[in-house]
Structures are given as structure tokens and as C-alpha cells.
Amino acid sequence: MAMQWLAADFGGPEVLKQAPIDLGPPKRGEVTIEVRAAGMNPADYKHFAAGQDPSLLPLTIGYEASGVLLAIGPGTEIATGGGAVGDEVVAFQVTGAYASHLTVTASDVFAKPTNLSFAEAANLLLVGTTAAEMLDVTRVRGGDVVLLHGAAGAVGTSVLQQARLLGATVIGTASKANFDAVARFGGVPVDYGPGLEEQVRAAAPGPVTAALDTVGTDEAINVSLAAVADRQRIVTIAAPKRAKSDGLQWVGGSNPKSGPYRASQRARLLQMAARGDIIVPIAMTFSINDAPSAVAALMGEHPYGKLALVR
């Protein structure tokens, strides 16, 4: 029986419940996917965080998945063209990815790069398109010196790889335990905390020309403002109030420009991954039947890398 995870209430992992899905045949423009892996992101648990309107319940969870085509609607092709039952695919941006099966719009489904595992493919696009947008709005190019806050996080790891391909130098804040991870992808690691501005200036080969914030702390914003002359070359995904008050760039789900831009980058990022230009480090996987434990791990401290629900 096809199953999905729902948030029956607002709160933490304890509100997640499994429920059966009525899987009818996909309509024209739709495909049905047998999910092999669901990507996991902080946006998943923020979606059902406490304090929201109860009339929205129940909520489906998860925005990206990978799997195998199970059925194809009449006259329908996936985004990369064609598509046959049994093909391995990636779906993003969708809703309800924490499931055994998904029926989704075919234009959000792409051929999976054969060199990626299902867990890797399911975790590529949300962070990858976010990183791409941050680099785009700050106009990062070859020769730029970029300050990246949260360089060992999932978005930060993708920023490091994409910035390296552009020819930029990245100074990345991280805990000392994650310095090797930052250096692995070409970043120059610095330890956040007291003296961060001085560390950044000492590590930079020249003036810092752009700053990308994935953590949202006042320290991150203040050091970015001190280091970068042009405020339009500072972007945050985690401090929208500071962005508004300080005249910085902000990108995210409620920014009307973010969705269309990120959608436009999906095929390009999949091609980059197929060439081996971007990889997705996986820290842990959990059974699709153990989503509450997986979300608890996602909300807490876990090893470097992404988490995935797998079948």
C-alpha cells in the first residue's frame, strides 16, 4: 500500500503520522514516481513548526525526491524529455516527498544522473538552487573574494563547489571540526566567534567583494557589512529582518523572484552533477518508515553532510 507522512498537528517530530495514499492513474502532464529517497532540509520541519493556523492541517512534508517512474500520464514527457516506466528520476520542487509514491507535475521531474545514488540525487536541488541564486544575486565571478557564513552546512557546501567553478576565492566560516570539509571543496576555513572580522581579513588575498550568509546571526551580518563595501553584494537566506533594515539582498521561499530563478537552474545543476562538478555528501540515511527519528536528527546536531529517507 502506498503511504505518506503527514503533520497532523504543529510541533516537532512527534506530530508526524503515516497515512495511506489513494494512487489513481496520473493525468495528462503528470507522472507517478515510486520514491527511493526523499531529501531532507530544515524547510521540512519549519513547514509544520508550532504557532501556525490549524486550518492548514494536515500538511504533507518534503520538497524533493528521487525514484523510479511507475506510471506516465497520457501524452506526457518529463522535463528532460521522454520518460519511460522504470526510468530513474529526480523531482523538485514538489510537495509531499516523504512518501512511498508521488504523483507530480511532469515538468518538475528530471532524469537522474547515473553517477548519483538515490539519496544524493534527492538532496541535490533544494540546496543547489539556493546556492546558485545566492551567487547570482551577488554577481560572483572569477576573481571575486567571497565571505561565506556557514560554509560546512548543506547550502554552504554547494556554494563552495559552485563558486570554485566560477573561479572565486571563498573564505568560509565553520567550526574547527569542519575545517577539513570546507577545505575539501576549495574554501579557506575560519572559525566563527570573537575576532572573526580580523580572521577574514587575514585569510583574504584581497578585498572581500561579496558575502553570502546561510546562518542568520548578527555576527554574520555585522562582519559582512564591515568587510563588503557594496551592500547589494551581501545576501542572506536566514536574516530577512536584517536584510530589510540594512539594505541587503534576501532570497527565500517568500521572495517572488526566488522560485522562478531556482526552477530555471534545475537542469543545469543536474548536468553539473552528472559531470562530477558537484557532489552531495551524505551523512546519514533513515528508513522512510522512520521519518520522526530522521526529523529529530535533522533538527539536532548530526555529522557533516545531508540526511535522507530511503526505501
C-alpha atoms as a PDB file:
ATOM      1  CA  MET A   1       0.000   0.000   0.000  1.00  0.00           C
ATOM      2  CA  ALA A   2       1.232   3.489  -0.870  1.00  0.00           C
ATOM      3  CA  MET A   3       1.909   5.618   2.207  1.00  0.00           C
ATOM      4  CA  GLN A   4       2.842   9.213   3.007  1.00  0.00           C
ATOM      5  CA  TRP A   5       3.858  11.165   6.093  1.00  0.00           C
ATOM      6  CA  LEU A   6       1.596  13.963   7.302  1.00  0.00           C
ATOM      7  CA  ALA A   7       1.909  16.542  10.046  1.00  0.00           C
ATOM      8  CA  ALA A   8      -1.332  16.026  11.941  1.00  0.00           C
ATOM      9  CA  ASP A   9      -0.568  18.995  14.195  1.00  0.00           C
ATOM     10  CA  PHE A  10       2.055  21.712  14.585  1.00  0.00           C
ATOM     11  CA  GLY A  11       5.122  20.949  16.661  1.00  0.00           C
ATOM     12  CA  GLY A  12       8.110  18.614  16.450  1.00  0.00           C
ATOM     13  CA  PRO A  13       8.712  15.129  15.026  1.00  0.00           C
ATOM     14  CA  GLU A  14       6.041  13.667  17.290  1.00  0.00           C
ATOM     15  CA  VAL A  15       3.264  15.198  15.145  1.00  0.00           C
ATOM     16  CA  LEU A  16       4.227  13.151  12.076  1.00  0.00           C
ATOM     17  CA  LYS A  17       1.859  10.317  11.213  1.00  0.00           C
ATOM     18  CA  GLN A  18       1.803   7.840   8.326  1.00  0.00           C
ATOM     19  CA  ALA A  19      -1.345   7.671   6.208  1.00  0.00           C
ATOM     20  CA  PRO A  20      -2.357   5.726   3.090  1.00  0.00           C
ATOM     21  CA  ILE A  21      -2.365   7.409  -0.337  1.00  0.00           C
ATOM     22  CA  ASP A  22      -5.069   6.777  -2.922  1.00  0.00           C
ATOM     23  CA  LEU A  23      -2.931   6.376  -6.047  1.00  0.00           C
ATOM     24  CA  GLY A  24      -5.052   6.881  -9.101  1.00  0.00           C
ATOM     25  CA  PRO A  25      -3.530   6.930 -12.598  1.00  0.00           C
ATOM     26  CA  PRO A  26      -1.603  10.131 -13.421  1.00  0.00           C
ATOM     27  CA  LYS A  27      -3.414  12.661 -15.592  1.00  0.00           C
ATOM     28  CA  ARG A  28      -2.019  14.352 -18.693  1.00  0.00           C
ATOM     29  CA  GLY A  29       1.048  16.329 -17.611  1.00  0.00           C
ATOM     30  CA  GLU A  30       1.635  14.140 -14.549  1.00  0.00           C
ATOM     31  CA  VAL A  31       3.796  11.151 -13.649  1.00  0.00           C
ATOM     32  CA  THR A  32       3.793   8.774 -10.700  1.00  0.00           C
ATOM     33  CA  ILE A  33       7.121   8.012  -9.030  1.00  0.00           C
ATOM     34  CA  GLU A  34       8.000   5.116  -6.769  1.00  0.00           C
ATOM     35  CA  VAL A  35      10.120   7.033  -4.274  1.00  0.00           C
ATOM     36  CA  ARG A  36      13.521   5.545  -3.455  1.00  0.00           C
ATOM     37  CA  ALA A  37      14.814   8.531  -1.453  1.00  0.00           C
ATOM     38  CA  ALA A  38      13.409  11.770  -0.046  1.00  0.00           C
ATOM     39  CA  GLY A  39      15.758  14.673   0.525  1.00  0.00           C
ATOM     40  CA  MET A  40      15.709  16.327   3.946  1.00  0.00           C
ATOM     41  CA  ASN A  41      16.050  20.047   4.624  1.00  0.00           C
ATOM     42  CA  PRO A  42      15.348  22.434   7.526  1.00  0.00           C
ATOM     43  CA  ALA A  43      12.453  23.800   5.465  1.00  0.00           C
ATOM     44  CA  ASP A  44      10.726  20.453   6.060  1.00  0.00           C
ATOM     45  CA  TYR A  45      10.311  20.857   9.819  1.00  0.00           C
ATOM     46  CA  LYS A  46       9.817  24.607   9.610  1.00  0.00           C
ATOM     47  CA  HIS A  47       6.762  23.801   7.471  1.00  0.00           C
ATOM     48  CA  PHE A  48       4.977  22.308  10.483  1.00  0.00           C
ATOM     49  CA  ALA A  49       6.553  24.366  13.279  1.00  0.00           C
ATOM     50  CA  ALA A  50       4.332  25.376  16.183  1.00  0.00           C
ATOM     51  CA  GLY A  51       2.299  28.574  16.095  1.00  0.00           C
ATOM     52  CA  GLN A  52       0.619  28.342  12.709  1.00  0.00           C
ATOM     53  CA  ASP A  53      -3.018  28.319  11.562  1.00  0.00           C
ATOM     54  CA  PRO A  54      -4.659  24.974  12.466  1.00  0.00           C
ATOM     55  CA  SER A  55      -6.917  25.216   9.414  1.00  0.00           C
ATOM     56  CA  LEU A  56      -3.861  24.372   7.276  1.00  0.00           C
ATOM     57  CA  LEU A  57      -3.621  20.869   8.748  1.00  0.00           C
ATOM     58  CA  PRO A  58      -2.839  18.163   7.852  1.00  0.00           C
ATOM     59  CA  LEU A  59       0.347  19.072   5.967  1.00  0.00           C
ATOM     60  CA  THR A  60       2.394  16.934   3.612  1.00  0.00           C
ATOM     61  CA  ILE A  61       6.172  17.063   4.143  1.00  0.00           C
ATOM     62  CA  GLY A  62       9.221  17.212   1.856  1.00  0.00           C
ATOM     63  CA  TYR A  63      10.154  19.096  -1.297  1.00  0.00           C
ATOM     64  CA  GLU A  64      12.498  16.824  -3.239  1.00  0.00           C
ATOM     65  CA  ALA A  65      12.752  13.144  -4.043  1.00  0.00           C
ATOM     66  CA  SER A  66      14.306  10.615  -6.372  1.00  0.00           C
ATOM     67  CA  GLY A  67      12.951   7.326  -7.558  1.00  0.00           C
ATOM     68  CA  VAL A  68      11.666   5.317 -10.493  1.00  0.00           C
ATOM     69  CA  LEU A  69       8.857   6.199 -12.897  1.00  0.00           C
ATOM     70  CA  LEU A  70       5.878   3.980 -12.125  1.00  0.00           C
ATOM     71  CA  ALA A  71       3.284   5.494 -14.479  1.00  0.00           C
ATOM     72  CA  ILE A  72       3.108   8.327 -17.021  1.00  0.00           C
ATOM     73  CA  GLY A  73       0.070  10.385 -17.910  1.00  0.00           C
ATOM     74  CA  PRO A  74      -1.205  10.341 -21.494  1.00  0.00           C
ATOM     75  CA  GLY A  75       0.864  12.401 -23.923  1.00  0.00           C
ATOM     76  CA  THR A  76       3.305  13.353 -21.183  1.00  0.00           C
ATOM     77  CA  GLU A  77       7.084  13.806 -21.099  1.00  0.00           C
ATOM     78  CA  ILE A  78       9.321  14.699 -18.181  1.00  0.00           C
ATOM     79  CA  ALA A  79      11.304  17.951 -18.121  1.00  0.00           C
ATOM     80  CA  THR A  80      14.395  16.426 -19.714  1.00  0.00           C
ATOM     81  CA  GLY A  81      12.306  14.855 -22.485  1.00  0.00           C
ATOM     82  CA  GLY A  82      10.775  11.445 -22.976  1.00  0.00           C
ATOM     83  CA  GLY A  83      10.459   9.201 -19.972  1.00  0.00           C
ATOM     84  CA  ALA A  84       9.518   5.558 -19.659  1.00  0.00           C
ATOM     85  CA  VAL A  85       8.290   3.351 -16.860  1.00  0.00           C
ATOM     86  CA  GLY A  86      11.326   2.180 -14.899  1.00  0.00           C
ATOM     87  CA  ASP A  87      13.448   5.278 -15.614  1.00  0.00           C
ATOM     88  CA  GLU A  88      15.333   6.748 -12.651  1.00  0.00           C
ATOM     89  CA  VAL A  89      14.296  10.345 -11.986  1.00  0.00           C
ATOM     90  CA  VAL A  90      14.620  13.338  -9.650  1.00  0.00           C
ATOM     91  CA  ALA A  91      11.642  15.503  -8.645  1.00  0.00           C
ATOM     92  CA  PHE A  92      11.918  19.091  -7.372  1.00  0.00           C
ATOM     93  CA  GLN A  93      10.167  21.324  -6.350  1.00  0.00           C
ATOM     94  CA  VAL A  94       7.294  19.117  -5.236  1.00  0.00           C
ATOM     95  CA  THR A  95       5.226  18.657  -2.088  1.00  0.00           C
ATOM     96  CA  GLY A  96       4.809  15.521  -0.027  1.00  0.00           C
ATOM     97  CA  ALA A  97       8.152  13.885  -0.820  1.00  0.00           C
ATOM     98  CA  TYR A  98       8.121  11.963   2.489  1.00  0.00           C
ATOM     99  CA  ALA A  99       6.160   9.159   0.853  1.00  0.00           C
ATOM    100  CA  SER A 100       6.425   5.792  -0.812  1.00  0.00           C
ATOM    101  CA  HIS A 101       4.901   7.153  -4.031  1.00  0.00           C
ATOM    102  CA  LEU A 102       4.342  10.580  -5.567  1.00  0.00           C
ATOM    103  CA  THR A 103       2.139  11.800  -8.382  1.00  0.00           C
ATOM    104  CA  VAL A 104       3.581  15.131  -9.520  1.00  0.00           C
ATOM    105  CA  THR A 105       3.705  17.550 -12.428  1.00  0.00           C
ATOM    106  CA  ALA A 106       5.989  16.095 -15.107  1.00  0.00           C
ATOM    107  CA  SER A 107       7.714  19.442 -15.687  1.00  0.00           C
ATOM    108  CA  ASP A 108       9.224  19.102 -12.191  1.00  0.00           C
ATOM    109  CA  VAL A 109      10.736  15.687 -12.963  1.00  0.00           C
ATOM    110  CA  PHE A 110      14.188  15.159 -14.495  1.00  0.00           C
ATOM    111  CA  ALA A 111      16.344  12.203 -15.474  1.00  0.00           C
ATOM    112  CA  LYS A 112      18.576  11.204 -12.556  1.00  0.00           C
ATOM    113  CA  PRO A 113      22.327  11.344 -13.213  1.00  0.00           C
ATOM    114  CA  THR A 114      23.533   7.755 -13.219  1.00  0.00           C
ATOM    115  CA  ASN A 115      26.582   8.591 -11.100  1.00  0.00           C
ATOM    116  CA  LEU A 116      24.430   9.767  -8.176  1.00  0.00           C
ATOM    117  CA  SER A 117      22.837   7.460  -5.634  1.00  0.00           C
ATOM    118  CA  PHE A 118      19.135   7.986  -4.954  1.00  0.00           C
ATOM    119  CA  ALA A 119      19.993   9.641  -1.620  1.00  0.00           C
ATOM    120  CA  GLU A 120      22.457  12.018  -3.285  1.00  0.00           C
ATOM    121  CA  ALA A 121      20.094  12.890  -6.127  1.00  0.00           C
ATOM    122  CA  ALA A 122      17.228  13.565  -3.712  1.00  0.00           C
ATOM    123  CA  ASN A 123      19.382  16.092  -1.851  1.00  0.00           C
ATOM    124  CA  LEU A 124      20.918  17.994  -4.761  1.00  0.00           C
ATOM    125  CA  LEU A 125      18.424  20.555  -5.942  1.00  0.00           C
ATOM    126  CA  LEU A 126      16.973  22.463  -3.000  1.00  0.00           C
ATOM    127  CA  VAL A 127      20.375  23.431  -1.633  1.00  0.00           C
ATOM    128  CA  GLY A 128      21.911  23.633  -5.108  1.00  0.00           C
ATOM    129  CA  THR A 129      19.369  26.099  -6.481  1.00  0.00           C
ATOM    130  CA  THR A 130      19.560  28.146  -3.281  1.00  0.00           C
ATOM    131  CA  ALA A 131      23.347  28.364  -3.595  1.00  0.00           C
ATOM    132  CA  ALA A 132      23.080  29.262  -7.276  1.00  0.00           C
ATOM    133  CA  GLU A 133      20.678  32.096  -6.523  1.00  0.00           C
ATOM    134  CA  MET A 134      22.908  33.491  -3.774  1.00  0.00           C
ATOM    135  CA  LEU A 135      25.856  33.574  -6.155  1.00  0.00           C
ATOM    136  CA  ASP A 136      23.727  35.100  -8.918  1.00  0.00           C
ATOM    137  CA  VAL A 137      22.226  37.987  -6.947  1.00  0.00           C
ATOM    138  CA  THR A 138      25.646  38.952  -5.576  1.00  0.00           C
ATOM    139  CA  ARG A 139      27.134  38.762  -9.091  1.00  0.00           C
ATOM    140  CA  VAL A 140      30.002  36.481  -8.071  1.00  0.00           C
ATOM    141  CA  ARG A 141      32.509  35.935 -10.873  1.00  0.00           C
ATOM    142  CA  GLY A 142      36.077  34.788 -11.334  1.00  0.00           C
ATOM    143  CA  GLY A 143      38.496  36.768  -9.200  1.00  0.00           C
ATOM    144  CA  ASP A 144      35.935  37.660  -6.526  1.00  0.00           C
ATOM    145  CA  VAL A 145      36.766  37.094  -2.860  1.00  0.00           C
ATOM    146  CA  VAL A 146      33.637  35.809  -1.139  1.00  0.00           C
ATOM    147  CA  LEU A 147      32.863  35.572   2.574  1.00  0.00           C
ATOM    148  CA  LEU A 148      30.561  32.598   3.187  1.00  0.00           C
ATOM    149  CA  HIS A 149      28.898  32.167   6.572  1.00  0.00           C
ATOM    150  CA  GLY A 150      28.023  28.547   7.350  1.00  0.00           C
ATOM    151  CA  ALA A 151      30.397  27.025   4.832  1.00  0.00           C
ATOM    152  CA  ALA A 152      30.046  23.491   6.211  1.00  0.00           C
ATOM    153  CA  GLY A 153      26.247  23.499   6.020  1.00  0.00           C
ATOM    154  CA  ALA A 154      24.359  21.955   3.138  1.00  0.00           C
ATOM    155  CA  VAL A 155      23.856  25.215   1.219  1.00  0.00           C
ATOM    156  CA  GLY A 156      27.392  26.280   2.081  1.00  0.00           C
ATOM    157  CA  THR A 157      28.842  23.070   0.659  1.00  0.00           C
ATOM    158  CA  SER A 158      27.055  23.699  -2.631  1.00  0.00           C
ATOM    159  CA  VAL A 159      28.149  27.354  -2.660  1.00  0.00           C
ATOM    160  CA  LEU A 160      31.774  26.274  -2.226  1.00  0.00           C
ATOM    161  CA  GLN A 161      31.606  23.946  -5.212  1.00  0.00           C
ATOM    162  CA  GLN A 162      29.745  26.338  -7.496  1.00  0.00           C
ATOM    163  CA  ALA A 163      31.959  29.294  -6.539  1.00  0.00           C
ATOM    164  CA  ARG A 164      35.080  27.257  -7.256  1.00  0.00           C
ATOM    165  CA  LEU A 165      33.764  26.559 -10.757  1.00  0.00           C
ATOM    166  CA  LEU A 166      33.291  30.307 -11.230  1.00  0.00           C
ATOM    167  CA  GLY A 167      36.883  30.974 -10.207  1.00  0.00           C
ATOM    168  CA  ALA A 168      36.091  32.805  -6.972  1.00  0.00           C
ATOM    169  CA  THR A 169      38.027  32.542  -3.710  1.00  0.00           C
ATOM    170  CA  VAL A 170      35.822  31.690  -0.708  1.00  0.00           C
ATOM    171  CA  ILE A 171      36.579  32.411   2.943  1.00  0.00           C
ATOM    172  CA  GLY A 172      34.204  30.128   4.833  1.00  0.00           C
ATOM    173  CA  THR A 173      33.161  30.271   8.482  1.00  0.00           C
ATOM    174  CA  ALA A 174      32.818  26.904  10.219  1.00  0.00           C
ATOM    175  CA  SER A 175      33.576  25.131  13.459  1.00  0.00           C
ATOM    176  CA  LYS A 176      37.115  23.787  13.655  1.00  0.00           C
ATOM    177  CA  ALA A 177      35.714  20.250  13.478  1.00  0.00           C
ATOM    178  CA  ASN A 178      34.514  21.027   9.938  1.00  0.00           C
ATOM    179  CA  PHE A 179      37.603  22.842   8.626  1.00  0.00           C
ATOM    180  CA  ASP A 180      38.620  19.823   6.538  1.00  0.00           C
ATOM    181  CA  ALA A 181      35.192  19.704   4.900  1.00  0.00           C
ATOM    182  CA  VAL A 182      35.461  23.373   3.908  1.00  0.00           C
ATOM    183  CA  ALA A 183      38.992  22.930   2.570  1.00  0.00           C
ATOM    184  CA  ARG A 184      37.932  19.808   0.635  1.00  0.00           C
ATOM    185  CA  PHE A 185      35.829  22.000  -1.653  1.00  0.00           C
ATOM    186  CA  GLY A 186      38.362  24.780  -2.049  1.00  0.00           C
ATOM    187  CA  GLY A 187      37.303  27.084   0.775  1.00  0.00           C
ATOM    188  CA  VAL A 188      39.622  28.818   3.235  1.00  0.00           C
ATOM    189  CA  PRO A 189      38.128  27.986   6.660  1.00  0.00           C
ATOM    190  CA  VAL A 190      37.930  30.463   9.526  1.00  0.00           C
ATOM    191  CA  ASP A 191      36.445  29.919  12.981  1.00  0.00           C
ATOM    192  CA  TYR A 192      33.370  31.965  13.805  1.00  0.00           C
ATOM    193  CA  GLY A 193      33.285  33.780  17.131  1.00  0.00           C
ATOM    194  CA  PRO A 194      35.383  36.609  18.624  1.00  0.00           C
ATOM    195  CA  GLY A 195      37.838  38.104  16.167  1.00  0.00           C
ATOM    196  CA  LEU A 196      36.013  36.834  13.091  1.00  0.00           C
ATOM    197  CA  GLU A 197      36.452  40.058  11.129  1.00  0.00           C
ATOM    198  CA  GLU A 198      40.195  40.031  11.743  1.00  0.00           C
ATOM    199  CA  GLN A 199      40.422  36.355  10.747  1.00  0.00           C
ATOM    200  CA  VAL A 200      38.574  37.046   7.493  1.00  0.00           C
ATOM    201  CA  ARG A 201      40.817  39.960   6.561  1.00  0.00           C
ATOM    202  CA  ALA A 202      43.922  37.918   7.348  1.00  0.00           C
ATOM    203  CA  ALA A 203      42.738  34.976   5.248  1.00  0.00           C
ATOM    204  CA  ALA A 204      41.559  37.008   2.243  1.00  0.00           C
ATOM    205  CA  PRO A 205      44.041  37.514  -0.619  1.00  0.00           C
ATOM    206  CA  GLY A 206      42.485  40.905  -1.310  1.00  0.00           C
ATOM    207  CA  PRO A 207      39.368  42.965  -0.569  1.00  0.00           C
ATOM    208  CA  VAL A 208      36.266  40.898   0.189  1.00  0.00           C
ATOM    209  CA  THR A 209      33.869  41.682  -2.650  1.00  0.00           C
ATOM    210  CA  ALA A 210      30.756  39.694  -1.689  1.00  0.00           C
ATOM    211  CA  ALA A 211      29.255  37.991   1.374  1.00  0.00           C
ATOM    212  CA  LEU A 212      26.776  35.110   1.497  1.00  0.00           C
ATOM    213  CA  ASP A 213      25.016  34.348   4.794  1.00  0.00           C
ATOM    214  CA  THR A 214      23.340  30.998   5.480  1.00  0.00           C
ATOM    215  CA  VAL A 215      23.228  31.235   9.299  1.00  0.00           C
ATOM    216  CA  GLY A 216      21.427  34.483  10.086  1.00  0.00           C
ATOM    217  CA  THR A 217      23.332  35.588  13.189  1.00  0.00           C
ATOM    218  CA  ASP A 218      24.041  39.220  13.981  1.00  0.00           C
ATOM    219  CA  GLU A 219      27.738  38.327  13.935  1.00  0.00           C
ATOM    220  CA  ALA A 220      27.463  37.089  10.354  1.00  0.00           C
ATOM    221  CA  ILE A 221      25.610  40.179   9.169  1.00  0.00           C
ATOM    222  CA  ASN A 222      27.807  42.639  11.069  1.00  0.00           C
ATOM    223  CA  VAL A 223      31.059  41.119   9.783  1.00  0.00           C
ATOM    224  CA  SER A 224      29.635  41.056   6.255  1.00  0.00           C
ATOM    225  CA  LEU A 225      28.778  44.757   6.493  1.00  0.00           C
ATOM    226  CA  ALA A 226      32.262  45.529   7.785  1.00  0.00           C
ATOM    227  CA  ALA A 227      34.000  43.510   5.077  1.00  0.00           C
ATOM    228  CA  VAL A 228      31.981  44.307   1.924  1.00  0.00           C
ATOM    229  CA  ALA A 229      31.645  47.839   0.574  1.00  0.00           C
ATOM    230  CA  ASP A 230      28.621  47.252  -1.689  1.00  0.00           C
ATOM    231  CA  ARG A 231      25.587  46.167   0.342  1.00  0.00           C
ATOM    232  CA  GLN A 232      23.911  44.816  -2.780  1.00  0.00           C
ATOM    233  CA  ARG A 233      26.661  42.207  -2.872  1.00  0.00           C
ATOM    234  CA  ILE A 234      25.630  40.864   0.542  1.00  0.00           C
ATOM    235  CA  VAL A 235      22.846  38.265   0.600  1.00  0.00           C
ATOM    236  CA  THR A 236      21.196  36.287   3.375  1.00  0.00           C
ATOM    237  CA  ILE A 237      18.783  33.376   3.398  1.00  0.00           C
ATOM    238  CA  ALA A 238      18.339  33.441   7.169  1.00  0.00           C
ATOM    239  CA  ALA A 239      18.048  37.064   8.355  1.00  0.00           C
ATOM    240  CA  PRO A 240      15.290  38.791   6.343  1.00  0.00           C
ATOM    241  CA  LYS A 241      14.735  41.452   9.003  1.00  0.00           C
ATOM    242  CA  ARG A 242      18.403  42.475   8.904  1.00  0.00           C
ATOM    243  CA  ALA A 243      18.282  42.462   5.114  1.00  0.00           C
ATOM    244  CA  LYS A 244      15.389  44.912   5.172  1.00  0.00           C
ATOM    245  CA  SER A 245      16.835  47.175   7.857  1.00  0.00           C
ATOM    246  CA  ASP A 246      20.371  47.219   6.442  1.00  0.00           C
ATOM    247  CA  GLY A 247      19.624  47.330   2.716  1.00  0.00           C
ATOM    248  CA  LEU A 248      20.938  43.842   1.916  1.00  0.00           C
ATOM    249  CA  GLN A 249      19.750  41.215  -0.516  1.00  0.00           C
ATOM    250  CA  TRP A 250      17.477  38.455   0.743  1.00  0.00           C
ATOM    251  CA  VAL A 251      16.351  35.336  -1.114  1.00  0.00           C
ATOM    252  CA  GLY A 252      13.938  32.676   0.033  1.00  0.00           C
ATOM    253  CA  GLY A 253      10.619  30.947  -0.421  1.00  0.00           C
ATOM    254  CA  SER A 254       8.504  34.078   0.019  1.00  0.00           C
ATOM    255  CA  ASN A 255      10.651  36.189  -2.319  1.00  0.00           C
ATOM    256  CA  PRO A 256       8.687  36.190  -5.599  1.00  0.00           C
ATOM    257  CA  LYS A 257      11.882  36.162  -7.652  1.00  0.00           C
ATOM    258  CA  SER A 258      13.369  33.104  -5.959  1.00  0.00           C
ATOM    259  CA  GLY A 259      11.000  30.409  -7.199  1.00  0.00           C
ATOM    260  CA  PRO A 260      11.298  31.140 -10.938  1.00  0.00           C
ATOM    261  CA  TYR A 261      15.077  31.542 -10.751  1.00  0.00           C
ATOM    262  CA  ARG A 262      15.586  28.315  -8.844  1.00  0.00           C
ATOM    263  CA  ALA A 263      13.323  26.430 -11.230  1.00  0.00           C
ATOM    264  CA  SER A 264      15.443  27.672 -14.127  1.00  0.00           C
ATOM    265  CA  GLN A 265      18.600  26.192 -12.576  1.00  0.00           C
ATOM    266  CA  ARG A 266      17.463  22.599 -12.030  1.00  0.00           C
ATOM    267  CA  ALA A 267      18.584  21.103 -15.328  1.00  0.00           C
ATOM    268  CA  ARG A 268      21.911  22.936 -15.220  1.00  0.00           C
ATOM    269  CA  LEU A 269      22.708  21.662 -11.730  1.00  0.00           C
ATOM    270  CA  LEU A 270      21.818  18.099 -12.686  1.00  0.00           C
ATOM    271  CA  GLN A 271      24.186  18.370 -15.657  1.00  0.00           C
ATOM    272  CA  MET A 272      26.934  19.646 -13.354  1.00  0.00           C
ATOM    273  CA  ALA A 273      26.363  16.724 -11.006  1.00  0.00           C
ATOM    274  CA  ALA A 274      26.408  14.280 -13.920  1.00  0.00           C
ATOM    275  CA  ARG A 275      29.864  15.621 -14.863  1.00  0.00           C
ATOM    276  CA  GLY A 276      31.059  15.253 -11.285  1.00  0.00           C
ATOM    277  CA  ASP A 277      31.397  19.022 -10.815  1.00  0.00           C
ATOM    278  CA  ILE A 278      29.066  18.956  -7.790  1.00  0.00           C
ATOM    279  CA  ILE A 279      28.786  16.174  -5.249  1.00  0.00           C
ATOM    280  CA  VAL A 280      26.369  15.737  -2.350  1.00  0.00           C
ATOM    281  CA  PRO A 281      27.978  14.426   0.856  1.00  0.00           C
ATOM    282  CA  ILE A 282      25.549  12.145   2.705  1.00  0.00           C
ATOM    283  CA  ALA A 283      25.876  11.882   6.490  1.00  0.00           C
ATOM    284  CA  MET A 284      23.064   9.505   7.404  1.00  0.00           C
ATOM    285  CA  THR A 285      20.106   7.682   5.892  1.00  0.00           C
ATOM    286  CA  PHE A 286      16.912   6.533   7.592  1.00  0.00           C
ATOM    287  CA  SER A 287      14.120   4.217   6.548  1.00  0.00           C
ATOM    288  CA  ILE A 288      11.139   6.008   5.028  1.00  0.00           C
ATOM    289  CA  ASN A 289       9.155   4.342   7.828  1.00  0.00           C
ATOM    290  CA  ASP A 290      11.215   6.148  10.475  1.00  0.00           C
ATOM    291  CA  ALA A 291      10.625   9.767   9.469  1.00  0.00           C
ATOM    292  CA  PRO A 292      10.134  11.067  13.045  1.00  0.00           C
ATOM    293  CA  SER A 293      13.604   9.835  14.071  1.00  0.00           C
ATOM    294  CA  ALA A 294      15.089  11.286  10.908  1.00  0.00           C
ATOM    295  CA  VAL A 295      13.480  14.684  11.502  1.00  0.00           C
ATOM    296  CA  ALA A 296      14.703  14.653  15.115  1.00  0.00           C
ATOM    297  CA  ALA A 297      18.239  14.083  13.795  1.00  0.00           C
ATOM    298  CA  LEU A 298      17.783  16.848  11.225  1.00  0.00           C
ATOM    299  CA  MET A 299      16.685  19.276  13.940  1.00  0.00           C
ATOM    300  CA  GLY A 300      19.634  18.424  16.193  1.00  0.00           C
ATOM    301  CA  GLU A 301      23.369  18.088  15.735  1.00  0.00           C
ATOM    302  CA  HIS A 302      24.402  15.430  13.240  1.00  0.00           C
ATOM    303  CA  PRO A 303      27.556  14.508  11.316  1.00  0.00           C
ATOM    304  CA  TYR A 304      28.667  16.642   8.370  1.00  0.00           C
ATOM    305  CA  GLY A 305      26.550  16.018   5.282  1.00  0.00           C
ATOM    306  CA  LYS A 306      22.940  15.580   4.242  1.00  0.00           C
ATOM    307  CA  LEU A 307      20.254  13.268   5.611  1.00  0.00           C
ATOM    308  CA  ALA A 308      17.857  11.202   3.521  1.00  0.00           C
ATOM    309  CA  LEU A 309      14.849   8.949   3.909  1.00  0.00           C
ATOM    310  CA  VAL A 310      15.330   5.819   1.811  1.00  0.00           C
ATOM    311  CA  ARG A 311      13.398   2.698   0.797  1.00  0.00           C
END
